[in-house]
Amino acid sequence: MRPSIVVRILAASTGAAVLVLAACSAEREAFEAAGPRPTPTSNAGVPRPTPTAATSPRPDIAVRAELPAPAGPTRVATTPTAATAPTAAPLTVGSSGPEVDAPPALPPAAAPEIAQDAPPEPGPDAPAAAGAAPLTVGSSGPEVEALQHRLVELGFIAAAQDHPGVFGAGSASAVLAFQKFEAIGRDGAAGPETMERLAAPQGRRAEPSSGIDVDLARQIMFVHHGGAVAILNTSTGNGETYWNPGTETTNVAYTPTGSFSVYLTVDGDDVGPLGTLYRPLYFHGGWAVHGSPSVPAYPASHGCARLANADTDWLWSIGAGPGTEVRVHESL
């Protein structure tokens, strides 16, 4: 390499070094002019951001952050928020006061959405207030007598079977029929909902006619007589499969729909392979309207339309018999 080229390279390198040294010297002078650096302090009091639904790695943390703070004294949070950090001191050894004794406040539990959206399912008619019992079998007094009068006035005549002012089996049957009519909780006891509906019934009635109309959906029977309509509690086919020892066949317990008429009656107990029918009125094959000691709030028979024995006696007393029309409906 020629000496002139070496001289130029050395000169360039020396100039660059001088520039770097000059820059470093200027930075140092500025640093020293600024004075001594502050001593590092603890970051214990620096607030941390509250997790949000967008940043929190756990969804449940974000949910709790959105709940309203409970009322009353609470412990000071171990992780203060930006609003409380400057004034709230952490509790430690030697701390005292109500904050130390107070139990930790928990956020109120969020109610499940289904409890807000879903309507309550039919169930027993609850008392109106704590200590207030519904009127039921065994109750007595003027309230029971007023209840019986109102039920009979609306056509639920089974209530007239009991002594006035005494809640017996007839009143229970009438209340159950009314609850089915109104499509409310079925328990045979007159609680606040039943009493409220008795004041202003909303149920659908059968059109004026003659004979008997059976409503399978609501499990009630409309009996037309003398220009009036009586409404009785009934229980029809439960839809289950059963063995018939009389015919040695497997059958389904259903009540046929359609228009029929009574063709045969038995004034007394009619004992058959599936049980005893009290004073049956046969309207189609082996199907009948008959009395039974059990008439629950739901379909329970092999297919017949059950009535309480006392209701069956009343049906016979108004002249139901051969030729009486029986219409069975899916719904009325």
C-alpha atoms as a PDB file:
ATOM      1  CA  MET A   1       0.000   0.000   0.000  1.00  0.00           C
ATOM      2  CA  ARG A   2       1.217   3.459  -0.800  1.00  0.00           C
ATOM      3  CA  PRO A   3       2.224   5.700   2.150  1.00  0.00           C
ATOM      4  CA  SER A   4      -0.164   8.492   1.059  1.00  0.00           C
ATOM      5  CA  ILE A   5      -3.222   6.204   1.371  1.00  0.00           C
ATOM      6  CA  VAL A   6      -2.187   5.050   4.879  1.00  0.00           C
ATOM      7  CA  VAL A   7      -1.890   8.641   6.021  1.00  0.00           C
ATOM      8  CA  ARG A   8      -5.403   9.450   4.796  1.00  0.00           C
ATOM      9  CA  ILE A   9      -6.944   6.411   6.674  1.00  0.00           C
ATOM     10  CA  LEU A  10      -5.198   7.296   9.928  1.00  0.00           C
ATOM     11  CA  ALA A  11      -6.339  10.886   9.637  1.00  0.00           C
ATOM     12  CA  ALA A  12      -9.983   9.816   9.114  1.00  0.00           C
ATOM     13  CA  SER A  13      -9.923   7.392  12.064  1.00  0.00           C
ATOM     14  CA  THR A  14      -8.410  10.002  14.337  1.00  0.00           C
ATOM     15  CA  GLY A  15     -11.119  12.521  13.375  1.00  0.00           C
ATOM     16  CA  ALA A  16     -13.932  10.044  14.187  1.00  0.00           C
ATOM     17  CA  ALA A  17     -12.427   9.222  17.570  1.00  0.00           C
ATOM     18  CA  VAL A  18     -12.172  12.893  18.392  1.00  0.00           C
ATOM     19  CA  LEU A  19     -15.871  13.352  17.558  1.00  0.00           C
ATOM     20  CA  VAL A  20     -16.931  10.393  19.795  1.00  0.00           C
ATOM     21  CA  LEU A  21     -14.840  11.683  22.706  1.00  0.00           C
ATOM     22  CA  ALA A  22     -16.343  15.126  22.281  1.00  0.00           C
ATOM     23  CA  ALA A  23     -19.913  13.736  22.386  1.00  0.00           C
ATOM     24  CA  CYS A  24     -19.220  11.633  25.496  1.00  0.00           C
ATOM     25  CA  SER A  25     -17.638  14.634  27.214  1.00  0.00           C
ATOM     26  CA  ALA A  26     -20.714  16.795  26.489  1.00  0.00           C
ATOM     27  CA  GLU A  27     -23.114  14.097  27.836  1.00  0.00           C
ATOM     28  CA  ARG A  28     -21.103  13.762  31.044  1.00  0.00           C
ATOM     29  CA  GLU A  29     -21.082  17.534  31.591  1.00  0.00           C
ATOM     30  CA  ALA A  30     -24.881  17.626  31.179  1.00  0.00           C
ATOM     31  CA  PHE A  31     -25.333  14.690  33.607  1.00  0.00           C
ATOM     32  CA  GLU A  32     -23.150  16.342  36.255  1.00  0.00           C
ATOM     33  CA  ALA A  33     -24.984  19.653  35.849  1.00  0.00           C
ATOM     34  CA  ALA A  34     -28.323  17.904  36.650  1.00  0.00           C
ATOM     35  CA  GLY A  35     -27.210  17.163  40.200  1.00  0.00           C
ATOM     36  CA  PRO A  36     -27.116  13.869  42.166  1.00  0.00           C
ATOM     37  CA  ARG A  37     -29.483  11.003  41.136  1.00  0.00           C
ATOM     38  CA  PRO A  38     -32.445  10.226  43.508  1.00  0.00           C
ATOM     39  CA  THR A  39     -32.115   7.251  45.812  1.00  0.00           C
ATOM     40  CA  PRO A  40     -34.373   4.305  44.587  1.00  0.00           C
ATOM     41  CA  THR A  41     -37.467   3.795  46.748  1.00  0.00           C
ATOM     42  CA  SER A  42     -39.882   0.851  47.285  1.00  0.00           C
ATOM     43  CA  ASN A  43     -42.814   0.386  44.897  1.00  0.00           C
ATOM     44  CA  ALA A  44     -45.056  -1.091  47.594  1.00  0.00           C
ATOM     45  CA  GLY A  45     -47.569   1.758  47.372  1.00  0.00           C
ATOM     46  CA  VAL A  46     -47.780   1.942  43.605  1.00  0.00           C
ATOM     47  CA  PRO A  47     -51.249   0.827  42.499  1.00  0.00           C
ATOM     48  CA  ARG A  48     -51.624  -1.991  40.035  1.00  0.00           C
ATOM     49  CA  PRO A  49     -54.371  -1.800  37.411  1.00  0.00           C
ATOM     50  CA  THR A  50     -57.540  -3.710  38.187  1.00  0.00           C
ATOM     51  CA  PRO A  51     -57.936  -6.653  35.747  1.00  0.00           C
ATOM     52  CA  THR A  52     -60.679  -6.218  33.184  1.00  0.00           C
ATOM     53  CA  ALA A  53     -62.540  -8.668  30.986  1.00  0.00           C
ATOM     54  CA  ALA A  54     -60.151  -7.812  28.139  1.00  0.00           C
ATOM     55  CA  THR A  55     -56.848  -8.214  30.070  1.00  0.00           C
ATOM     56  CA  SER A  56     -57.548 -10.703  32.860  1.00  0.00           C
ATOM     57  CA  PRO A  57     -56.282 -14.245  32.227  1.00  0.00           C
ATOM     58  CA  ARG A  58     -59.144 -15.580  34.419  1.00  0.00           C
ATOM     59  CA  PRO A  59     -62.752 -14.731  33.473  1.00  0.00           C
ATOM     60  CA  ASP A  60     -63.960 -15.032  37.076  1.00  0.00           C
ATOM     61  CA  ILE A  61     -61.676 -12.158  38.148  1.00  0.00           C
ATOM     62  CA  ALA A  62     -63.229  -9.878  35.554  1.00  0.00           C
ATOM     63  CA  VAL A  63     -66.740 -10.845  36.738  1.00  0.00           C
ATOM     64  CA  ARG A  64     -65.965 -10.041  40.364  1.00  0.00           C
ATOM     65  CA  ALA A  65     -64.478  -6.678  39.340  1.00  0.00           C
ATOM     66  CA  GLU A  66     -67.818  -5.680  37.830  1.00  0.00           C
ATOM     67  CA  LEU A  67     -69.927  -6.466  40.913  1.00  0.00           C
ATOM     68  CA  PRO A  68     -70.974  -3.521  43.140  1.00  0.00           C
ATOM     69  CA  ALA A  69     -69.012  -3.050  46.348  1.00  0.00           C
ATOM     70  CA  PRO A  70     -70.925  -4.236  49.447  1.00  0.00           C
ATOM     71  CA  ALA A  71     -72.041  -1.761  52.086  1.00  0.00           C
ATOM     72  CA  GLY A  72     -70.481  -1.589  55.555  1.00  0.00           C
ATOM     73  CA  PRO A  73     -66.899  -1.805  56.904  1.00  0.00           C
ATOM     74  CA  THR A  74     -64.571  -4.079  54.994  1.00  0.00           C
ATOM     75  CA  ARG A  75     -60.913  -5.057  55.146  1.00  0.00           C
ATOM     76  CA  VAL A  76     -58.515  -2.829  53.247  1.00  0.00           C
ATOM     77  CA  ALA A  77     -57.664  -4.637  50.025  1.00  0.00           C
ATOM     78  CA  THR A  78     -54.142  -6.038  49.878  1.00  0.00           C
ATOM     79  CA  THR A  79     -53.940  -4.766  46.303  1.00  0.00           C
ATOM     80  CA  PRO A  80     -55.238  -1.148  46.455  1.00  0.00           C
ATOM     81  CA  THR A  81     -56.939   0.459  43.510  1.00  0.00           C
ATOM     82  CA  ALA A  82     -55.909   3.751  41.957  1.00  0.00           C
ATOM     83  CA  ALA A  83     -58.659   5.576  43.899  1.00  0.00           C
ATOM     84  CA  THR A  84     -57.779   4.197  47.381  1.00  0.00           C
ATOM     85  CA  ALA A  85     -53.997   3.705  47.193  1.00  0.00           C
ATOM     86  CA  PRO A  86     -52.955   7.258  48.265  1.00  0.00           C
ATOM     87  CA  THR A  87     -55.020   7.199  51.528  1.00  0.00           C
ATOM     88  CA  ALA A  88     -55.421   3.501  52.498  1.00  0.00           C
ATOM     89  CA  ALA A  89     -52.444   2.098  54.445  1.00  0.00           C
ATOM     90  CA  PRO A  90     -51.873  -1.677  54.447  1.00  0.00           C
ATOM     91  CA  LEU A  91     -52.672  -3.596  57.656  1.00  0.00           C
ATOM     92  CA  THR A  92     -49.597  -5.233  59.220  1.00  0.00           C
ATOM     93  CA  VAL A  93     -48.163  -6.371  62.577  1.00  0.00           C
ATOM     94  CA  GLY A  94     -49.233  -3.884  65.231  1.00  0.00           C
ATOM     95  CA  SER A  95     -52.297  -2.579  63.336  1.00  0.00           C
ATOM     96  CA  SER A  96     -55.576  -2.246  65.295  1.00  0.00           C
ATOM     97  CA  GLY A  97     -59.118  -1.003  64.852  1.00  0.00           C
ATOM     98  CA  PRO A  98     -62.417  -2.177  63.323  1.00  0.00           C
ATOM     99  CA  GLU A  99     -60.711  -2.920  60.013  1.00  0.00           C
ATOM    100  CA  VAL A 100     -58.720  -5.703  61.693  1.00  0.00           C
ATOM    101  CA  ASP A 101     -61.799  -7.291  63.355  1.00  0.00           C
ATOM    102  CA  ALA A 102     -64.204  -6.974  60.417  1.00  0.00           C
ATOM    103  CA  PRO A 103     -64.675 -10.163  58.374  1.00  0.00           C
ATOM    104  CA  PRO A 104     -63.820  -9.949  54.696  1.00  0.00           C
ATOM    105  CA  ALA A 105     -66.753  -8.666  52.644  1.00  0.00           C
ATOM    106  CA  LEU A 106     -67.693 -10.931  49.796  1.00  0.00           C
ATOM    107  CA  PRO A 107     -69.335  -9.662  46.615  1.00  0.00           C
ATOM    108  CA  PRO A 108     -72.990 -10.658  46.235  1.00  0.00           C
ATOM    109  CA  ALA A 109     -73.511 -13.764  44.139  1.00  0.00           C
ATOM    110  CA  ALA A 110     -74.864 -13.110  40.690  1.00  0.00           C
ATOM    111  CA  ALA A 111     -78.324 -14.628  40.149  1.00  0.00           C
ATOM    112  CA  PRO A 112     -78.512 -17.244  37.407  1.00  0.00           C
ATOM    113  CA  GLU A 113     -80.099 -15.950  34.232  1.00  0.00           C
ATOM    114  CA  ILE A 114     -82.642 -18.761  34.102  1.00  0.00           C
ATOM    115  CA  ALA A 115     -84.144 -17.507  37.372  1.00  0.00           C
ATOM    116  CA  GLN A 116     -84.885 -14.192  35.658  1.00  0.00           C
ATOM    117  CA  ASP A 117     -86.081 -15.505  32.313  1.00  0.00           C
ATOM    118  CA  ALA A 118     -87.938 -18.732  33.068  1.00  0.00           C
ATOM    119  CA  PRO A 119     -91.466 -18.505  34.519  1.00  0.00           C
ATOM    120  CA  PRO A 120     -92.051 -20.468  37.706  1.00  0.00           C
ATOM    121  CA  GLU A 121     -93.352 -23.951  37.171  1.00  0.00           C
ATOM    122  CA  PRO A 122     -96.742 -24.929  38.755  1.00  0.00           C
ATOM    123  CA  GLY A 123     -96.351 -26.066  42.351  1.00  0.00           C
ATOM    124  CA  PRO A 124     -98.075 -25.999  45.730  1.00  0.00           C
ATOM    125  CA  ASP A 125     -99.933 -22.794  46.535  1.00  0.00           C
ATOM    126  CA  ALA A 126     -97.742 -21.183  49.239  1.00  0.00           C
ATOM    127  CA  PRO A 127     -99.036 -19.164  52.217  1.00  0.00           C
ATOM    128  CA  ALA A 128     -99.404 -15.429  51.692  1.00  0.00           C
ATOM    129  CA  ALA A 129     -97.024 -14.577  54.531  1.00  0.00           C
ATOM    130  CA  ALA A 130     -94.896 -16.215  57.178  1.00  0.00           C
ATOM    131  CA  GLY A 131     -97.164 -18.003  59.653  1.00  0.00           C
ATOM    132  CA  ALA A 132    -100.254 -17.802  57.397  1.00  0.00           C
ATOM    133  CA  ALA A 133    -101.424 -21.288  56.451  1.00  0.00           C
ATOM    134  CA  PRO A 134    -103.633 -22.048  53.444  1.00  0.00           C
ATOM    135  CA  LEU A 135    -107.127 -23.398  54.003  1.00  0.00           C
ATOM    136  CA  THR A 136    -106.988 -27.164  53.701  1.00  0.00           C
ATOM    137  CA  VAL A 137    -108.588 -30.356  55.021  1.00  0.00           C
ATOM    138  CA  GLY A 138    -109.234 -29.810  58.731  1.00  0.00           C
ATOM    139  CA  SER A 139    -109.591 -26.038  58.504  1.00  0.00           C
ATOM    140  CA  SER A 140    -112.818 -24.512  59.795  1.00  0.00           C
ATOM    141  CA  GLY A 141    -114.442 -21.186  60.406  1.00  0.00           C
ATOM    142  CA  PRO A 142    -116.075 -18.332  58.493  1.00  0.00           C
ATOM    143  CA  GLU A 143    -113.200 -18.160  55.963  1.00  0.00           C
ATOM    144  CA  VAL A 144    -113.879 -21.773  54.961  1.00  0.00           C
ATOM    145  CA  GLU A 145    -117.610 -21.124  54.655  1.00  0.00           C
ATOM    146  CA  ALA A 146    -116.951 -18.090  52.431  1.00  0.00           C
ATOM    147  CA  LEU A 147    -114.594 -20.218  50.307  1.00  0.00           C
ATOM    148  CA  GLN A 148    -117.216 -22.945  49.906  1.00  0.00           C
ATOM    149  CA  HIS A 149    -119.870 -20.418  48.921  1.00  0.00           C
ATOM    150  CA  ARG A 150    -117.621 -18.882  46.255  1.00  0.00           C
ATOM    151  CA  LEU A 151    -116.626 -22.275  44.796  1.00  0.00           C
ATOM    152  CA  VAL A 152    -120.264 -23.389  44.458  1.00  0.00           C
ATOM    153  CA  GLU A 153    -121.162 -20.013  42.944  1.00  0.00           C
ATOM    154  CA  LEU A 154    -118.534 -20.609  40.227  1.00  0.00           C
ATOM    155  CA  GLY A 155    -119.793 -24.147  39.543  1.00  0.00           C
ATOM    156  CA  PHE A 156    -117.331 -26.193  41.622  1.00  0.00           C
ATOM    157  CA  ILE A 157    -120.190 -27.909  43.385  1.00  0.00           C
ATOM    158  CA  ALA A 158    -118.182 -30.532  45.282  1.00  0.00           C
ATOM    159  CA  ALA A 159    -117.612 -27.899  47.981  1.00  0.00           C
ATOM    160  CA  ALA A 160    -121.301 -28.248  48.934  1.00  0.00           C
ATOM    161  CA  GLN A 161    -120.695 -31.844  50.050  1.00  0.00           C
ATOM    162  CA  ASP A 162    -119.034 -30.671  53.296  1.00  0.00           C
ATOM    163  CA  HIS A 163    -120.699 -29.119  56.319  1.00  0.00           C
ATOM    164  CA  PRO A 164    -120.653 -25.299  55.981  1.00  0.00           C
ATOM    165  CA  GLY A 165    -117.475 -23.897  57.453  1.00  0.00           C
ATOM    166  CA  VAL A 166    -115.689 -27.264  57.604  1.00  0.00           C
ATOM    167  CA  PHE A 167    -113.021 -28.023  54.982  1.00  0.00           C
ATOM    168  CA  GLY A 168    -113.437 -31.694  54.084  1.00  0.00           C
ATOM    169  CA  ALA A 169    -112.905 -34.001  51.111  1.00  0.00           C
ATOM    170  CA  GLY A 170    -115.570 -32.228  49.042  1.00  0.00           C
ATOM    171  CA  SER A 171    -113.961 -28.829  49.493  1.00  0.00           C
ATOM    172  CA  ALA A 172    -110.533 -30.279  48.646  1.00  0.00           C
ATOM    173  CA  SER A 173    -111.960 -31.823  45.446  1.00  0.00           C
ATOM    174  CA  ALA A 174    -113.569 -28.504  44.486  1.00  0.00           C
ATOM    175  CA  VAL A 175    -110.374 -26.531  45.146  1.00  0.00           C
ATOM    176  CA  LEU A 176    -108.327 -29.009  43.103  1.00  0.00           C
ATOM    177  CA  ALA A 177    -110.801 -28.757  40.210  1.00  0.00           C
ATOM    178  CA  PHE A 178    -110.593 -24.955  40.387  1.00  0.00           C
ATOM    179  CA  GLN A 179    -106.783 -25.018  40.384  1.00  0.00           C
ATOM    180  CA  LYS A 180    -106.852 -27.245  37.284  1.00  0.00           C
ATOM    181  CA  PHE A 181    -109.390 -24.916  35.678  1.00  0.00           C
ATOM    182  CA  GLU A 182    -107.079 -21.946  36.303  1.00  0.00           C
ATOM    183  CA  ALA A 183    -103.881 -23.879  35.393  1.00  0.00           C
ATOM    184  CA  ILE A 184    -102.143 -22.983  38.664  1.00  0.00           C
ATOM    185  CA  GLY A 185    -100.443 -25.116  41.312  1.00  0.00           C
ATOM    186  CA  ARG A 186    -102.509 -28.224  42.062  1.00  0.00           C
ATOM    187  CA  ASP A 187    -102.520 -29.232  45.722  1.00  0.00           C
ATOM    188  CA  GLY A 188    -106.166 -28.988  46.833  1.00  0.00           C
ATOM    189  CA  ALA A 189    -105.369 -26.292  49.412  1.00  0.00           C
ATOM    190  CA  ALA A 190    -106.613 -22.705  49.130  1.00  0.00           C
ATOM    191  CA  GLY A 191    -103.534 -20.491  49.443  1.00  0.00           C
ATOM    192  CA  PRO A 192    -103.114 -16.856  48.355  1.00  0.00           C
ATOM    193  CA  GLU A 193    -102.894 -17.532  44.607  1.00  0.00           C
ATOM    194  CA  THR A 194    -106.028 -19.664  44.664  1.00  0.00           C
ATOM    195  CA  MET A 195    -107.898 -17.069  46.717  1.00  0.00           C
ATOM    196  CA  GLU A 196    -106.826 -14.306  44.332  1.00  0.00           C
ATOM    197  CA  ARG A 197    -108.010 -16.276  41.301  1.00  0.00           C
ATOM    198  CA  LEU A 198    -111.317 -17.048  43.001  1.00  0.00           C
ATOM    199  CA  ALA A 199    -111.984 -13.315  43.075  1.00  0.00           C
ATOM    200  CA  ALA A 200    -111.366 -13.012  39.313  1.00  0.00           C
ATOM    201  CA  PRO A 201    -111.225 -16.398  37.515  1.00  0.00           C
ATOM    202  CA  GLN A 202    -109.414 -16.532  34.166  1.00  0.00           C
ATOM    203  CA  GLY A 203    -110.014 -20.158  33.100  1.00  0.00           C
ATOM    204  CA  ARG A 204    -111.792 -21.192  29.882  1.00  0.00           C
ATOM    205  CA  ARG A 205    -115.279 -22.673  30.175  1.00  0.00           C
ATOM    206  CA  ALA A 206    -116.982 -25.163  27.912  1.00  0.00           C
ATOM    207  CA  GLU A 207    -119.613 -23.713  25.609  1.00  0.00           C
ATOM    208  CA  PRO A 208    -123.214 -24.122  26.831  1.00  0.00           C
ATOM    209  CA  SER A 209    -124.426 -27.525  25.772  1.00  0.00           C
ATOM    210  CA  SER A 210    -125.795 -30.731  27.244  1.00  0.00           C
ATOM    211  CA  GLY A 211    -124.257 -33.886  28.646  1.00  0.00           C
ATOM    212  CA  ILE A 212    -120.592 -34.142  29.663  1.00  0.00           C
ATOM    213  CA  ASP A 213    -117.395 -32.584  28.310  1.00  0.00           C
ATOM    214  CA  VAL A 214    -114.010 -33.969  29.420  1.00  0.00           C
ATOM    215  CA  ASP A 215    -110.914 -31.736  29.104  1.00  0.00           C
ATOM    216  CA  LEU A 216    -107.884 -34.056  28.996  1.00  0.00           C
ATOM    217  CA  ALA A 217    -105.341 -31.238  29.119  1.00  0.00           C
ATOM    218  CA  ARG A 218    -106.658 -29.736  32.357  1.00  0.00           C
ATOM    219  CA  GLN A 219    -108.077 -32.983  33.783  1.00  0.00           C
ATOM    220  CA  ILE A 220    -111.503 -31.537  34.539  1.00  0.00           C
ATOM    221  CA  MET A 221    -115.055 -32.460  33.580  1.00  0.00           C
ATOM    222  CA  PHE A 222    -117.855 -30.054  32.632  1.00  0.00           C
ATOM    223  CA  VAL A 223    -121.370 -31.335  33.351  1.00  0.00           C
ATOM    224  CA  HIS A 224    -124.232 -29.389  31.740  1.00  0.00           C
ATOM    225  CA  HIS A 225    -127.548 -29.574  33.581  1.00  0.00           C
ATOM    226  CA  GLY A 226    -130.567 -27.330  34.004  1.00  0.00           C
ATOM    227  CA  GLY A 227    -128.928 -24.451  32.138  1.00  0.00           C
ATOM    228  CA  ALA A 228    -125.931 -24.481  34.502  1.00  0.00           C
ATOM    229  CA  VAL A 229    -122.453 -25.991  34.280  1.00  0.00           C
ATOM    230  CA  ALA A 230    -120.761 -27.939  37.072  1.00  0.00           C
ATOM    231  CA  ILE A 231    -116.986 -28.438  36.990  1.00  0.00           C
ATOM    232  CA  LEU A 232    -115.573 -31.607  38.562  1.00  0.00           C
ATOM    233  CA  ASN A 233    -112.112 -32.973  39.242  1.00  0.00           C
ATOM    234  CA  THR A 234    -111.261 -35.987  37.053  1.00  0.00           C
ATOM    235  CA  SER A 235    -108.308 -38.236  36.234  1.00  0.00           C
ATOM    236  CA  THR A 236    -107.980 -40.001  32.863  1.00  0.00           C
ATOM    237  CA  GLY A 237    -105.605 -42.391  31.057  1.00  0.00           C
ATOM    238  CA  ASN A 238    -101.943 -41.971  31.969  1.00  0.00           C
ATOM    239  CA  GLY A 239    -100.517 -43.136  28.633  1.00  0.00           C
ATOM    240  CA  GLU A 240     -98.536 -46.015  30.152  1.00  0.00           C
ATOM    241  CA  THR A 241     -98.380 -49.607  28.916  1.00  0.00           C
ATOM    242  CA  TYR A 242    -100.085 -52.198  31.133  1.00  0.00           C
ATOM    243  CA  TRP A 243    -100.988 -55.902  31.104  1.00  0.00           C
ATOM    244  CA  ASN A 244    -104.697 -56.715  30.964  1.00  0.00           C
ATOM    245  CA  PRO A 245    -105.238 -60.078  32.666  1.00  0.00           C
ATOM    246  CA  GLY A 246    -108.813 -60.245  31.376  1.00  0.00           C
ATOM    247  CA  THR A 247    -107.783 -60.266  27.707  1.00  0.00           C
ATOM    248  CA  GLU A 248    -104.188 -61.402  28.304  1.00  0.00           C
ATOM    249  CA  THR A 249    -102.924 -58.574  26.131  1.00  0.00           C
ATOM    250  CA  THR A 250    -100.658 -55.563  26.555  1.00  0.00           C
ATOM    251  CA  ASN A 251    -102.537 -52.292  26.201  1.00  0.00           C
ATOM    252  CA  VAL A 252    -101.854 -48.564  26.467  1.00  0.00           C
ATOM    253  CA  ALA A 253    -103.746 -46.576  29.089  1.00  0.00           C
ATOM    254  CA  TYR A 254    -105.369 -43.837  27.016  1.00  0.00           C
ATOM    255  CA  THR A 255    -108.747 -42.109  26.950  1.00  0.00           C
ATOM    256  CA  PRO A 256    -110.253 -41.957  23.444  1.00  0.00           C
ATOM    257  CA  THR A 257    -111.283 -38.562  22.119  1.00  0.00           C
ATOM    258  CA  GLY A 258    -114.511 -37.952  20.235  1.00  0.00           C
ATOM    259  CA  SER A 259    -118.281 -37.798  20.763  1.00  0.00           C
ATOM    260  CA  PHE A 260    -119.983 -40.754  22.450  1.00  0.00           C
ATOM    261  CA  SER A 261    -123.070 -41.530  24.495  1.00  0.00           C
ATOM    262  CA  VAL A 262    -123.655 -43.660  27.561  1.00  0.00           C
ATOM    263  CA  TYR A 263    -124.913 -47.107  26.539  1.00  0.00           C
ATOM    264  CA  LEU A 264    -124.624 -49.070  29.800  1.00  0.00           C
ATOM    265  CA  THR A 265    -124.744 -48.235  33.524  1.00  0.00           C
ATOM    266  CA  VAL A 266    -124.148 -50.273  36.665  1.00  0.00           C
ATOM    267  CA  ASP A 267    -125.728 -48.896  39.838  1.00  0.00           C
ATOM    268  CA  GLY A 268    -123.116 -50.171  42.259  1.00  0.00           C
ATOM    269  CA  ASP A 269    -119.606 -51.652  42.170  1.00  0.00           C
ATOM    270  CA  ASP A 270    -118.581 -53.253  38.896  1.00  0.00           C
ATOM    271  CA  VAL A 271    -115.592 -55.505  39.572  1.00  0.00           C
ATOM    272  CA  GLY A 272    -113.375 -56.136  36.560  1.00  0.00           C
ATOM    273  CA  PRO A 273    -109.883 -57.491  35.839  1.00  0.00           C
ATOM    274  CA  LEU A 274    -108.347 -54.011  36.266  1.00  0.00           C
ATOM    275  CA  GLY A 275    -110.161 -53.077  39.460  1.00  0.00           C
ATOM    276  CA  THR A 276    -113.500 -51.948  40.831  1.00  0.00           C
ATOM    277  CA  LEU A 277    -115.555 -49.243  39.094  1.00  0.00           C
ATOM    278  CA  TYR A 278    -118.090 -47.440  41.286  1.00  0.00           C
ATOM    279  CA  ARG A 279    -121.445 -46.791  39.544  1.00  0.00           C
ATOM    280  CA  PRO A 280    -119.881 -46.693  36.035  1.00  0.00           C
ATOM    281  CA  LEU A 281    -121.470 -45.040  33.014  1.00  0.00           C
ATOM    282  CA  TYR A 282    -119.971 -46.860  30.005  1.00  0.00           C
ATOM    283  CA  PHE A 283    -119.733 -44.625  26.939  1.00  0.00           C
ATOM    284  CA  HIS A 284    -117.357 -46.499  24.593  1.00  0.00           C
ATOM    285  CA  GLY A 285    -116.369 -50.161  24.802  1.00  0.00           C
ATOM    286  CA  GLY A 286    -114.849 -50.690  28.255  1.00  0.00           C
ATOM    287  CA  TRP A 287    -114.356 -46.960  28.871  1.00  0.00           C
ATOM    288  CA  ALA A 288    -116.582 -45.346  31.461  1.00  0.00           C
ATOM    289  CA  VAL A 289    -117.112 -42.374  33.732  1.00  0.00           C
ATOM    290  CA  HIS A 290    -117.023 -43.907  37.210  1.00  0.00           C
ATOM    291  CA  GLY A 291    -116.314 -43.302  40.865  1.00  0.00           C
ATOM    292  CA  SER A 292    -112.964 -44.059  42.483  1.00  0.00           C
ATOM    293  CA  PRO A 293    -111.387 -43.492  45.924  1.00  0.00           C
ATOM    294  CA  SER A 294    -108.346 -41.959  44.172  1.00  0.00           C
ATOM    295  CA  VAL A 295    -108.686 -38.961  41.829  1.00  0.00           C
ATOM    296  CA  PRO A 296    -105.256 -37.263  41.808  1.00  0.00           C
ATOM    297  CA  ALA A 297    -104.149 -34.032  40.169  1.00  0.00           C
ATOM    298  CA  TYR A 298    -102.681 -35.869  37.170  1.00  0.00           C
ATOM    299  CA  PRO A 299    -103.722 -38.613  34.662  1.00  0.00           C
ATOM    300  CA  ALA A 300    -103.644 -41.925  36.553  1.00  0.00           C
ATOM    301  CA  SER A 301    -106.297 -44.295  35.167  1.00  0.00           C
ATOM    302  CA  HIS A 302    -106.205 -47.143  32.649  1.00  0.00           C
ATOM    303  CA  GLY A 303    -108.352 -44.938  30.383  1.00  0.00           C
ATOM    304  CA  CYS A 304    -111.628 -44.290  32.180  1.00  0.00           C
ATOM    305  CA  ALA A 305    -112.591 -40.856  33.476  1.00  0.00           C
ATOM    306  CA  ARG A 306    -112.444 -41.128  37.254  1.00  0.00           C
ATOM    307  CA  LEU A 307    -114.552 -39.031  39.614  1.00  0.00           C
ATOM    308  CA  ALA A 308    -114.766 -38.964  43.394  1.00  0.00           C
ATOM    309  CA  ASN A 309    -117.485 -41.320  44.608  1.00  0.00           C
ATOM    310  CA  ALA A 310    -119.516 -38.377  45.922  1.00  0.00           C
ATOM    311  CA  ASP A 311    -119.292 -36.622  42.524  1.00  0.00           C
ATOM    312  CA  THR A 312    -120.461 -39.835  40.827  1.00  0.00           C
ATOM    313  CA  ASP A 313    -123.443 -40.016  43.168  1.00  0.00           C
ATOM    314  CA  TRP A 314    -124.306 -36.415  42.236  1.00  0.00           C
ATOM    315  CA  LEU A 315    -124.003 -37.280  38.529  1.00  0.00           C
ATOM    316  CA  TRP A 316    -126.525 -40.088  38.974  1.00  0.00           C
ATOM    317  CA  SER A 317    -128.794 -37.784  41.016  1.00  0.00           C
ATOM    318  CA  ILE A 318    -129.238 -35.359  38.105  1.00  0.00           C
ATOM    319  CA  GLY A 319    -130.296 -38.195  35.797  1.00  0.00           C
ATOM    320  CA  ALA A 320    -127.078 -39.082  33.921  1.00  0.00           C
ATOM    321  CA  GLY A 321    -127.588 -42.488  32.331  1.00  0.00           C
ATOM    322  CA  PRO A 322    -128.148 -44.218  28.975  1.00  0.00           C
ATOM    323  CA  GLY A 323    -128.182 -41.692  26.142  1.00  0.00           C
ATOM    324  CA  THR A 324    -126.159 -39.048  28.024  1.00  0.00           C
ATOM    325  CA  GLU A 325    -123.669 -37.458  25.645  1.00  0.00           C
ATOM    326  CA  VAL A 326    -119.976 -37.721  26.548  1.00  0.00           C
ATOM    327  CA  ARG A 327    -117.504 -35.635  24.549  1.00  0.00           C
ATOM    328  CA  VAL A 328    -113.781 -36.109  25.206  1.00  0.00           C
ATOM    329  CA  HIS A 329    -111.473 -33.293  24.083  1.00  0.00           C
ATOM    330  CA  GLU A 330    -107.689 -32.994  24.003  1.00  0.00           C
ATOM    331  CA  SER A 331    -108.191 -29.463  25.280  1.00  0.00           C
ATOM    332  CA  LEU A 332    -111.060 -27.044  25.814  1.00  0.00           C
END
